[in-house]
Amino acid sequence: MKPKSWLSVAFLAAVAVAGLVVVERPVGAASGPGLVNSHADLCAQPVGGATDATAPIVLEPCADIAEQHWFQIPVPGQAGQFSFRNAKSGLCLEVPGSTPADGTRVIQWPCVPDGQVPISNERWTFSQFGFPPAPMVSRLGGSSSTCLDVPGGSTQPGTALQVFTCNGTAAQQWEIGNG
């Protein structure tokens, strides 16, 4: 699997900073996976390809399937922040609740309507640790201290994703893959 160049992600961030309009684009090409945990070499998707709200996001072997494709949508007016909409369900990657507590499971949830600024539960940034891979930081409640995380650094398919205090471990290293 070959991750997209960090330059493409940096370009999107630069465009967002400049205030230019950027249309949403799928993470992963039509023939490849989307959000890949570098340590496990597995892709994020709703459990069992579910299309319902509150379905947990889990790791599964990367494949050319819609549930593993995510649209990366720049957050208007928030440089470097994105929401991620699942190509199959049309729902967004979200941290439920109002406080980013360690161990909170990541789910999919209805996205804020197009053209509106997403709630903080749906906002993500890539951390300052670098590209690729890099931690994905939850912006819940304006925080930047919790990251998308694989519990215990598991490499087992079906592992439900969580947020956990950002620590730079392999369990928090994510790439945008394109097959």
N, C-alpha and C. Protein backbone atom coordinates (compact mmCIF):
# COMPACT_ATOMS: atom_id res chain seq x y z
N MET A 1 0.83 -1.16 0.00
CA MET A 1 0.00 0.00 0.00
C MET A 1 0.88 1.23 0.00
N LYS A 2 0.54 2.22 -0.78
CA LYS A 2 1.36 3.40 -0.92
C LYS A 2 0.59 4.61 -0.40
N PRO A 3 1.07 5.28 0.69
CA PRO A 3 0.36 6.45 1.20
C PRO A 3 0.51 7.63 0.26
N LYS A 4 -0.49 8.51 0.31
CA LYS A 4 -0.37 9.73 -0.47
C LYS A 4 0.78 10.55 0.07
N SER A 5 1.36 11.30 -0.75
CA SER A 5 2.46 12.17 -0.35
C SER A 5 2.00 13.16 0.71
N TRP A 6 2.86 13.42 1.68
CA TRP A 6 2.55 14.42 2.71
C TRP A 6 2.39 15.78 2.06
N LEU A 7 2.97 15.94 0.88
CA LEU A 7 2.83 17.21 0.19
C LEU A 7 1.39 17.50 -0.20
N SER A 8 0.62 16.45 -0.57
CA SER A 8 -0.77 16.69 -0.93
C SER A 8 -1.57 17.14 0.28
N VAL A 9 -1.27 16.57 1.45
CA VAL A 9 -1.95 16.99 2.68
C VAL A 9 -1.51 18.40 3.04
N ALA A 10 -0.22 18.70 2.93
CA ALA A 10 0.30 20.03 3.23
C ALA A 10 -0.32 21.06 2.28
N PHE A 11 -0.49 20.68 1.01
CA PHE A 11 -1.11 21.57 0.05
C PHE A 11 -2.53 21.94 0.48
N LEU A 12 -3.32 20.93 0.89
CA LEU A 12 -4.68 21.21 1.34
C LEU A 12 -4.68 22.14 2.55
N ALA A 13 -3.75 21.92 3.47
CA ALA A 13 -3.66 22.79 4.65
C ALA A 13 -3.32 24.21 4.23
N ALA A 14 -2.39 24.37 3.29
CA ALA A 14 -2.00 25.69 2.82
C ALA A 14 -3.17 26.39 2.13
N VAL A 15 -3.92 25.64 1.35
CA VAL A 15 -5.08 26.20 0.68
C VAL A 15 -6.11 26.67 1.71
N ALA A 16 -6.31 25.84 2.75
CA ALA A 16 -7.26 26.22 3.80
C ALA A 16 -6.81 27.48 4.52
N VAL A 17 -5.50 27.61 4.79
CA VAL A 17 -4.97 28.79 5.44
C VAL A 17 -5.19 30.02 4.57
N ALA A 18 -5.01 29.85 3.27
CA ALA A 18 -5.17 30.98 2.35
C ALA A 18 -6.63 31.39 2.19
N GLY A 19 -7.55 30.56 2.71
CA GLY A 19 -8.97 30.89 2.63
C GLY A 19 -9.59 30.56 1.29
N LEU A 20 -8.92 29.77 0.48
CA LEU A 20 -9.46 29.39 -0.80
C LEU A 20 -10.52 28.32 -0.62
N VAL A 21 -11.42 28.22 -1.55
CA VAL A 21 -12.47 27.21 -1.48
C VAL A 21 -11.90 25.89 -1.96
N VAL A 22 -12.11 24.86 -1.16
CA VAL A 22 -11.65 23.52 -1.52
C VAL A 22 -12.86 22.60 -1.44
N VAL A 23 -13.09 21.85 -2.50
CA VAL A 23 -14.20 20.89 -2.46
C VAL A 23 -13.74 19.64 -1.75
N GLU A 24 -14.70 18.92 -1.17
CA GLU A 24 -14.34 17.69 -0.49
C GLU A 24 -13.78 16.71 -1.50
N ARG A 25 -12.86 15.88 -1.01
CA ARG A 25 -12.26 14.89 -1.89
C ARG A 25 -12.16 13.58 -1.13
N PRO A 26 -12.26 12.47 -1.84
CA PRO A 26 -12.18 11.21 -1.12
C PRO A 26 -10.76 10.95 -0.64
N VAL A 27 -10.65 10.39 0.56
CA VAL A 27 -9.38 9.91 1.06
C VAL A 27 -9.21 8.54 0.43
N GLY A 28 -8.15 8.35 -0.29
CA GLY A 28 -7.96 7.10 -1.01
C GLY A 28 -8.57 7.23 -2.40
N ALA A 29 -7.86 6.74 -3.39
CA ALA A 29 -8.37 6.77 -4.75
C ALA A 29 -9.51 5.77 -4.88
N ALA A 30 -10.19 5.81 -6.01
CA ALA A 30 -11.32 4.91 -6.21
C ALA A 30 -10.91 3.45 -6.08
N SER A 31 -9.65 3.16 -6.23
CA SER A 31 -9.20 1.77 -6.16
C SER A 31 -8.40 1.47 -4.91
N GLY A 32 -8.53 2.28 -3.86
CA GLY A 32 -7.70 2.02 -2.69
C GLY A 32 -8.36 2.38 -1.39
N PRO A 33 -7.67 2.09 -0.28
CA PRO A 33 -8.21 2.34 1.05
C PRO A 33 -8.12 3.81 1.43
N GLY A 34 -8.63 4.11 2.61
CA GLY A 34 -8.63 5.48 3.09
C GLY A 34 -7.73 5.69 4.28
N LEU A 35 -8.27 5.72 5.50
CA LEU A 35 -7.49 5.98 6.70
C LEU A 35 -6.83 4.69 7.16
N VAL A 36 -5.51 4.67 7.10
CA VAL A 36 -4.74 3.46 7.39
C VAL A 36 -3.92 3.66 8.66
N ASN A 37 -4.07 2.74 9.62
CA ASN A 37 -3.20 2.76 10.79
C ASN A 37 -1.89 2.12 10.37
N SER A 38 -0.81 2.86 10.41
CA SER A 38 0.49 2.40 9.90
C SER A 38 1.02 1.21 10.66
N HIS A 39 0.79 1.16 11.97
CA HIS A 39 1.29 0.07 12.80
C HIS A 39 0.58 -1.24 12.48
N ALA A 40 -0.75 -1.20 12.42
CA ALA A 40 -1.54 -2.41 12.18
C ALA A 40 -1.65 -2.73 10.69
N ASP A 41 -1.40 -1.75 9.83
CA ASP A 41 -1.59 -1.87 8.39
C ASP A 41 -3.02 -2.32 8.08
N LEU A 42 -3.97 -1.70 8.81
CA LEU A 42 -5.39 -1.96 8.64
C LEU A 42 -6.11 -0.63 8.42
N CYS A 43 -7.31 -0.71 7.85
CA CYS A 43 -8.07 0.50 7.50
C CYS A 43 -9.26 0.71 8.42
N ALA A 44 -9.61 1.99 8.62
CA ALA A 44 -10.76 2.38 9.43
C ALA A 44 -12.04 2.27 8.62
N GLN A 45 -13.06 1.69 9.25
CA GLN A 45 -14.38 1.58 8.61
C GLN A 45 -15.44 1.38 9.68
N PRO A 46 -16.72 1.68 9.36
CA PRO A 46 -17.79 1.34 10.30
C PRO A 46 -17.86 -0.18 10.45
N VAL A 47 -18.16 -0.66 11.65
CA VAL A 47 -18.21 -2.09 11.90
C VAL A 47 -19.17 -2.77 10.92
N GLY A 48 -18.71 -3.82 10.29
CA GLY A 48 -19.54 -4.59 9.36
C GLY A 48 -20.07 -3.80 8.19
N GLY A 49 -19.49 -2.64 7.89
CA GLY A 49 -19.98 -1.81 6.80
C GLY A 49 -21.30 -1.13 7.12
N ALA A 50 -21.60 -0.99 8.42
CA ALA A 50 -22.87 -0.42 8.86
C ALA A 50 -23.10 0.98 8.31
N THR A 51 -24.37 1.30 8.11
CA THR A 51 -24.74 2.63 7.62
C THR A 51 -25.55 3.40 8.66
N ASP A 52 -25.68 2.86 9.86
CA ASP A 52 -26.46 3.53 10.90
C ASP A 52 -25.59 4.40 11.79
N ALA A 53 -26.22 5.46 12.32
CA ALA A 53 -25.54 6.35 13.26
C ALA A 53 -25.20 5.55 14.51
N THR A 54 -24.13 5.90 15.14
CA THR A 54 -23.56 5.31 16.35
C THR A 54 -22.78 4.03 16.09
N ALA A 55 -22.69 3.58 14.84
CA ALA A 55 -21.89 2.39 14.56
C ALA A 55 -20.43 2.69 14.90
N PRO A 56 -19.78 1.81 15.66
CA PRO A 56 -18.37 2.04 15.99
C PRO A 56 -17.48 1.94 14.75
N ILE A 57 -16.37 2.65 14.80
CA ILE A 57 -15.38 2.59 13.73
C ILE A 57 -14.32 1.59 14.17
N VAL A 58 -14.03 0.63 13.29
CA VAL A 58 -13.11 -0.45 13.60
C VAL A 58 -12.02 -0.54 12.55
N LEU A 59 -11.01 -1.36 12.84
CA LEU A 59 -9.96 -1.66 11.87
C LEU A 59 -10.28 -2.96 11.16
N GLU A 60 -10.09 -2.98 9.86
CA GLU A 60 -10.27 -4.18 9.05
C GLU A 60 -9.19 -4.20 7.96
N PRO A 61 -8.92 -5.39 7.40
CA PRO A 61 -7.95 -5.44 6.30
C PRO A 61 -8.37 -4.49 5.18
N CYS A 62 -7.42 -3.75 4.66
CA CYS A 62 -7.70 -2.78 3.61
C CYS A 62 -8.17 -3.48 2.34
N ALA A 63 -9.22 -2.94 1.75
CA ALA A 63 -9.80 -3.50 0.52
C ALA A 63 -10.44 -2.35 -0.26
N ASP A 64 -10.75 -2.61 -1.50
CA ASP A 64 -11.38 -1.60 -2.34
C ASP A 64 -12.89 -1.66 -2.12
N ILE A 65 -13.34 -1.17 -0.95
CA ILE A 65 -14.76 -1.18 -0.60
C ILE A 65 -15.17 0.21 -0.10
N ALA A 66 -16.41 0.57 -0.37
CA ALA A 66 -16.89 1.92 -0.06
C ALA A 66 -16.79 2.27 1.41
N GLU A 67 -17.01 1.30 2.30
CA GLU A 67 -16.98 1.62 3.73
C GLU A 67 -15.60 2.02 4.22
N GLN A 68 -14.56 1.79 3.43
CA GLN A 68 -13.22 2.21 3.82
C GLN A 68 -12.79 3.50 3.13
N HIS A 69 -13.66 4.08 2.35
CA HIS A 69 -13.37 5.35 1.70
C HIS A 69 -13.97 6.47 2.52
N TRP A 70 -13.20 7.52 2.74
CA TRP A 70 -13.63 8.67 3.54
C TRP A 70 -13.38 9.94 2.74
N PHE A 71 -14.37 10.83 2.71
CA PHE A 71 -14.18 12.14 2.09
C PHE A 71 -13.56 13.06 3.14
N GLN A 72 -12.44 13.67 2.79
CA GLN A 72 -11.75 14.60 3.67
C GLN A 72 -12.26 15.99 3.34
N ILE A 73 -12.94 16.62 4.30
CA ILE A 73 -13.62 17.89 4.05
C ILE A 73 -12.99 18.99 4.90
N PRO A 74 -12.35 19.98 4.28
CA PRO A 74 -11.77 21.09 5.05
C PRO A 74 -12.86 21.83 5.84
N VAL A 75 -12.56 22.19 7.08
CA VAL A 75 -13.50 22.95 7.91
C VAL A 75 -13.34 24.43 7.57
N PRO A 76 -14.43 25.09 7.13
CA PRO A 76 -14.34 26.50 6.76
C PRO A 76 -13.82 27.36 7.92
N GLY A 77 -12.82 28.19 7.60
CA GLY A 77 -12.29 29.12 8.58
C GLY A 77 -11.41 28.52 9.65
N GLN A 78 -11.10 27.23 9.55
CA GLN A 78 -10.29 26.55 10.56
C GLN A 78 -9.11 25.87 9.86
N ALA A 79 -8.04 26.59 9.69
CA ALA A 79 -6.88 26.10 8.95
C ALA A 79 -6.41 24.75 9.48
N GLY A 80 -6.26 23.80 8.57
CA GLY A 80 -5.73 22.48 8.90
C GLY A 80 -6.71 21.54 9.57
N GLN A 81 -7.97 21.96 9.76
CA GLN A 81 -8.97 21.07 10.36
C GLN A 81 -9.84 20.46 9.27
N PHE A 82 -10.20 19.18 9.49
CA PHE A 82 -11.00 18.44 8.53
C PHE A 82 -12.08 17.65 9.24
N SER A 83 -13.15 17.33 8.51
CA SER A 83 -14.06 16.28 8.95
C SER A 83 -13.93 15.17 7.90
N PHE A 84 -14.35 13.97 8.28
CA PHE A 84 -14.22 12.81 7.40
C PHE A 84 -15.59 12.16 7.25
N ARG A 85 -16.12 12.16 6.00
CA ARG A 85 -17.43 11.58 5.71
C ARG A 85 -17.23 10.23 5.01
N ASN A 86 -17.89 9.20 5.55
CA ASN A 86 -17.77 7.86 4.98
C ASN A 86 -18.51 7.78 3.65
N ALA A 87 -17.86 7.20 2.64
CA ALA A 87 -18.43 7.13 1.30
C ALA A 87 -19.66 6.23 1.23
N LYS A 88 -19.72 5.20 2.05
CA LYS A 88 -20.88 4.29 2.00
C LYS A 88 -22.05 4.82 2.81
N SER A 89 -21.81 5.22 4.04
CA SER A 89 -22.90 5.61 4.93
C SER A 89 -23.28 7.09 4.80
N GLY A 90 -22.35 7.92 4.35
CA GLY A 90 -22.58 9.36 4.31
C GLY A 90 -22.49 10.01 5.69
N LEU A 91 -22.05 9.24 6.70
CA LEU A 91 -21.93 9.75 8.06
C LEU A 91 -20.48 10.12 8.36
N CYS A 92 -20.30 10.94 9.40
CA CYS A 92 -18.98 11.47 9.71
C CYS A 92 -18.31 10.74 10.87
N LEU A 93 -16.98 10.73 10.82
CA LEU A 93 -16.14 10.21 11.90
C LEU A 93 -16.31 11.16 13.08
N GLU A 94 -16.73 10.63 14.23
CA GLU A 94 -17.07 11.52 15.35
C GLU A 94 -16.67 10.92 16.69
N VAL A 95 -16.33 11.83 17.61
CA VAL A 95 -16.11 11.48 19.01
C VAL A 95 -17.37 11.91 19.75
N PRO A 96 -18.16 10.96 20.29
CA PRO A 96 -19.39 11.35 20.98
C PRO A 96 -19.12 12.03 22.32
N GLY A 97 -20.09 12.80 22.77
CA GLY A 97 -19.96 13.45 24.08
C GLY A 97 -19.42 14.85 23.97
N SER A 98 -19.19 15.45 25.12
CA SER A 98 -18.73 16.84 25.14
C SER A 98 -17.32 17.00 25.68
N THR A 99 -16.73 15.92 26.18
CA THR A 99 -15.38 15.97 26.73
C THR A 99 -14.57 14.82 26.15
N PRO A 100 -13.38 15.10 25.63
CA PRO A 100 -12.57 14.03 25.02
C PRO A 100 -11.86 13.18 26.07
N ALA A 101 -12.56 12.20 26.63
CA ALA A 101 -11.98 11.33 27.66
C ALA A 101 -11.24 10.15 27.04
N ASP A 102 -10.13 9.77 27.64
CA ASP A 102 -9.39 8.59 27.17
C ASP A 102 -10.33 7.39 27.12
N GLY A 103 -10.25 6.63 26.02
CA GLY A 103 -11.04 5.42 25.87
C GLY A 103 -12.40 5.63 25.23
N THR A 104 -12.77 6.88 24.92
CA THR A 104 -14.05 7.12 24.26
C THR A 104 -14.00 6.51 22.86
N ARG A 105 -14.95 5.63 22.56
CA ARG A 105 -15.01 4.98 21.25
C ARG A 105 -15.40 5.97 20.17
N VAL A 106 -14.80 5.83 19.00
CA VAL A 106 -15.10 6.68 17.85
C VAL A 106 -16.23 6.01 17.07
N ILE A 107 -17.20 6.82 16.65
CA ILE A 107 -18.37 6.32 15.93
C ILE A 107 -18.57 7.11 14.65
N GLN A 108 -19.59 6.72 13.89
CA GLN A 108 -20.05 7.56 12.79
C GLN A 108 -21.37 8.18 13.20
N TRP A 109 -21.60 9.41 12.73
CA TRP A 109 -22.76 10.18 13.15
C TRP A 109 -23.16 11.10 12.01
N PRO A 110 -24.43 11.51 11.92
CA PRO A 110 -24.81 12.41 10.83
C PRO A 110 -23.93 13.67 10.80
N CYS A 111 -23.48 14.00 9.63
CA CYS A 111 -22.62 15.15 9.42
C CYS A 111 -23.44 16.44 9.49
N VAL A 112 -22.77 17.51 9.85
CA VAL A 112 -23.37 18.83 9.78
C VAL A 112 -23.65 19.10 8.30
N PRO A 113 -24.78 19.73 7.97
CA PRO A 113 -25.09 19.98 6.56
C PRO A 113 -23.97 20.71 5.81
N ASP A 114 -23.84 20.39 4.52
CA ASP A 114 -22.82 21.02 3.68
C ASP A 114 -22.90 22.54 3.79
N GLY A 115 -21.74 23.16 3.81
CA GLY A 115 -21.65 24.61 3.87
C GLY A 115 -21.64 25.17 5.28
N GLN A 116 -21.94 24.34 6.27
CA GLN A 116 -21.91 24.78 7.66
C GLN A 116 -20.63 24.29 8.32
N VAL A 117 -20.20 24.99 9.34
CA VAL A 117 -18.99 24.59 10.06
C VAL A 117 -19.34 23.40 10.95
N PRO A 118 -18.62 22.28 10.81
CA PRO A 118 -18.91 21.10 11.61
C PRO A 118 -18.73 21.36 13.11
N ILE A 119 -19.52 20.65 13.91
CA ILE A 119 -19.34 20.72 15.35
C ILE A 119 -17.96 20.14 15.68
N SER A 120 -17.45 20.49 16.85
CA SER A 120 -16.09 20.07 17.19
C SER A 120 -15.95 18.55 17.28
N ASN A 121 -17.04 17.83 17.53
CA ASN A 121 -16.99 16.37 17.59
C ASN A 121 -16.54 15.75 16.27
N GLU A 122 -16.73 16.46 15.18
CA GLU A 122 -16.40 15.96 13.84
C GLU A 122 -15.12 16.54 13.28
N ARG A 123 -14.39 17.32 14.06
CA ARG A 123 -13.19 17.99 13.55
C ARG A 123 -11.92 17.23 13.92
N TRP A 124 -11.02 17.16 12.95
CA TRP A 124 -9.75 16.46 13.14
C TRP A 124 -8.63 17.27 12.51
N THR A 125 -7.43 17.16 13.06
CA THR A 125 -6.23 17.72 12.45
C THR A 125 -5.17 16.64 12.47
N PHE A 126 -4.16 16.81 11.66
CA PHE A 126 -2.98 15.95 11.76
C PHE A 126 -2.00 16.69 12.65
N SER A 127 -1.37 15.98 13.57
CA SER A 127 -0.53 16.65 14.56
C SER A 127 0.77 17.17 13.97
N GLN A 128 1.45 17.92 14.79
CA GLN A 128 2.73 18.53 14.42
C GLN A 128 3.86 17.51 14.34
N PHE A 129 3.59 16.25 14.70
CA PHE A 129 4.66 15.25 14.70
C PHE A 129 5.17 14.93 13.30
N GLY A 130 4.43 15.25 12.27
CA GLY A 130 4.93 15.05 10.91
C GLY A 130 4.06 14.19 10.04
N PHE A 131 4.42 14.09 8.75
CA PHE A 131 3.71 13.30 7.76
C PHE A 131 4.70 12.42 7.05
N PRO A 132 4.27 11.38 6.41
CA PRO A 132 3.38 10.41 6.98
C PRO A 132 4.19 9.43 7.79
N PRO A 133 3.65 8.65 8.60
CA PRO A 133 2.33 8.78 9.18
C PRO A 133 2.33 9.81 10.28
N ALA A 134 1.15 10.17 10.75
CA ALA A 134 1.04 11.18 11.81
C ALA A 134 -0.21 10.93 12.63
N PRO A 135 -0.20 11.37 13.88
CA PRO A 135 -1.42 11.26 14.69
C PRO A 135 -2.54 12.14 14.14
N MET A 136 -3.78 11.65 14.24
CA MET A 136 -4.97 12.44 13.92
C MET A 136 -5.53 12.93 15.24
N VAL A 137 -5.56 14.24 15.41
CA VAL A 137 -5.96 14.85 16.68
C VAL A 137 -7.43 15.24 16.62
N SER A 138 -8.20 14.82 17.64
CA SER A 138 -9.59 15.23 17.77
C SER A 138 -9.63 16.68 18.25
N ARG A 139 -10.54 17.47 17.68
CA ARG A 139 -10.68 18.87 18.08
C ARG A 139 -11.92 19.06 18.96
N LEU A 140 -12.43 17.99 19.55
CA LEU A 140 -13.62 18.03 20.40
C LEU A 140 -13.47 19.09 21.49
N GLY A 141 -14.43 19.99 21.56
CA GLY A 141 -14.42 21.03 22.57
C GLY A 141 -13.23 21.97 22.47
N GLY A 142 -12.61 22.04 21.30
CA GLY A 142 -11.46 22.90 21.11
C GLY A 142 -10.16 22.29 21.61
N SER A 143 -10.23 21.08 22.13
CA SER A 143 -9.05 20.40 22.65
C SER A 143 -8.13 19.96 21.52
N SER A 144 -6.88 19.74 21.85
CA SER A 144 -5.94 19.15 20.90
C SER A 144 -5.08 18.12 21.63
N SER A 145 -5.65 17.52 22.66
CA SER A 145 -4.86 16.60 23.48
C SER A 145 -5.20 15.14 23.28
N THR A 146 -6.26 14.82 22.51
CA THR A 146 -6.60 13.42 22.27
C THR A 146 -6.48 13.08 20.80
N CYS A 147 -6.02 11.86 20.54
CA CYS A 147 -5.78 11.40 19.17
C CYS A 147 -6.56 10.13 18.86
N LEU A 148 -6.82 9.93 17.57
CA LEU A 148 -7.41 8.68 17.10
C LEU A 148 -6.42 7.57 17.45
N ASP A 149 -6.89 6.51 18.10
CA ASP A 149 -6.01 5.53 18.73
C ASP A 149 -6.55 4.12 18.56
N VAL A 150 -5.63 3.17 18.41
CA VAL A 150 -5.97 1.75 18.41
C VAL A 150 -5.66 1.23 19.82
N PRO A 151 -6.69 0.80 20.57
CA PRO A 151 -6.47 0.36 21.95
C PRO A 151 -5.35 -0.67 22.06
N GLY A 152 -4.40 -0.38 22.95
CA GLY A 152 -3.31 -1.31 23.20
C GLY A 152 -2.41 -1.57 22.01
N GLY A 153 -2.53 -0.77 20.96
CA GLY A 153 -1.71 -0.98 19.76
C GLY A 153 -2.08 -2.27 19.04
N SER A 154 -3.30 -2.73 19.21
CA SER A 154 -3.75 -4.00 18.62
C SER A 154 -3.57 -4.01 17.10
N THR A 155 -3.26 -5.17 16.58
CA THR A 155 -3.19 -5.38 15.14
C THR A 155 -4.28 -6.35 14.69
N GLN A 156 -5.27 -6.55 15.54
CA GLN A 156 -6.36 -7.49 15.26
C GLN A 156 -7.49 -6.81 14.48
N PRO A 157 -7.90 -7.39 13.35
CA PRO A 157 -9.08 -6.86 12.67
C PRO A 157 -10.27 -6.86 13.61
N GLY A 158 -11.13 -5.86 13.45
CA GLY A 158 -12.32 -5.75 14.28
C GLY A 158 -12.12 -4.90 15.52
N THR A 159 -10.89 -4.46 15.78
CA THR A 159 -10.62 -3.63 16.95
C THR A 159 -11.32 -2.28 16.78
N ALA A 160 -12.12 -1.90 17.79
CA ALA A 160 -12.84 -0.62 17.75
C ALA A 160 -11.87 0.51 18.10
N LEU A 161 -11.94 1.59 17.34
CA LEU A 161 -11.06 2.74 17.56
C LEU A 161 -11.57 3.61 18.70
N GLN A 162 -10.67 4.33 19.32
CA GLN A 162 -10.98 5.21 20.44
C GLN A 162 -10.17 6.49 20.29
N VAL A 163 -10.42 7.45 21.19
CA VAL A 163 -9.50 8.56 21.35
C VAL A 163 -8.76 8.34 22.66
N PHE A 164 -7.52 8.78 22.67
CA PHE A 164 -6.67 8.62 23.84
C PHE A 164 -5.68 9.78 23.84
N THR A 165 -5.18 10.14 25.02
CA THR A 165 -4.21 11.22 25.11
C THR A 165 -3.12 11.03 24.06
N CYS A 166 -2.84 12.07 23.29
CA CYS A 166 -1.82 11.99 22.25
C CYS A 166 -0.47 11.66 22.88
N ASN A 167 0.18 10.62 22.34
CA ASN A 167 1.44 10.18 22.91
C ASN A 167 2.47 9.79 21.86
N GLY A 168 2.11 9.89 20.58
CA GLY A 168 3.06 9.62 19.51
C GLY A 168 3.38 8.16 19.29
N THR A 169 2.65 7.24 19.96
CA THR A 169 2.93 5.81 19.78
C THR A 169 2.45 5.33 18.42
N ALA A 170 2.86 4.13 18.06
CA ALA A 170 2.48 3.53 16.78
C ALA A 170 0.96 3.37 16.68
N ALA A 171 0.28 3.21 17.80
CA ALA A 171 -1.18 3.05 17.80
C ALA A 171 -1.87 4.30 17.31
N GLN A 172 -1.17 5.42 17.23
CA GLN A 172 -1.78 6.69 16.82
C GLN A 172 -1.23 7.20 15.49
N GLN A 173 -0.57 6.36 14.75
CA GLN A 173 0.02 6.78 13.47
C GLN A 173 -0.91 6.43 12.32
N TRP A 174 -1.35 7.44 11.59
CA TRP A 174 -2.32 7.28 10.50
C TRP A 174 -1.78 7.84 9.19
N GLU A 175 -2.15 7.19 8.13
CA GLU A 175 -1.79 7.62 6.77
C GLU A 175 -3.05 7.69 5.93
N ILE A 176 -2.98 8.50 4.90
CA ILE A 176 -4.03 8.51 3.90
C ILE A 176 -3.54 7.61 2.78
N GLY A 177 -4.13 6.44 2.66
CA GLY A 177 -3.66 5.45 1.71
C GLY A 177 -4.39 5.55 0.38
N ASN A 178 -3.74 5.07 -0.66
CA ASN A 178 -4.37 5.07 -1.98
C ASN A 178 -4.06 3.79 -2.75
N GLY A 179 -3.95 2.70 -2.03
CA GLY A 179 -3.76 1.41 -2.69
C GLY A 179 -2.43 1.28 -3.20
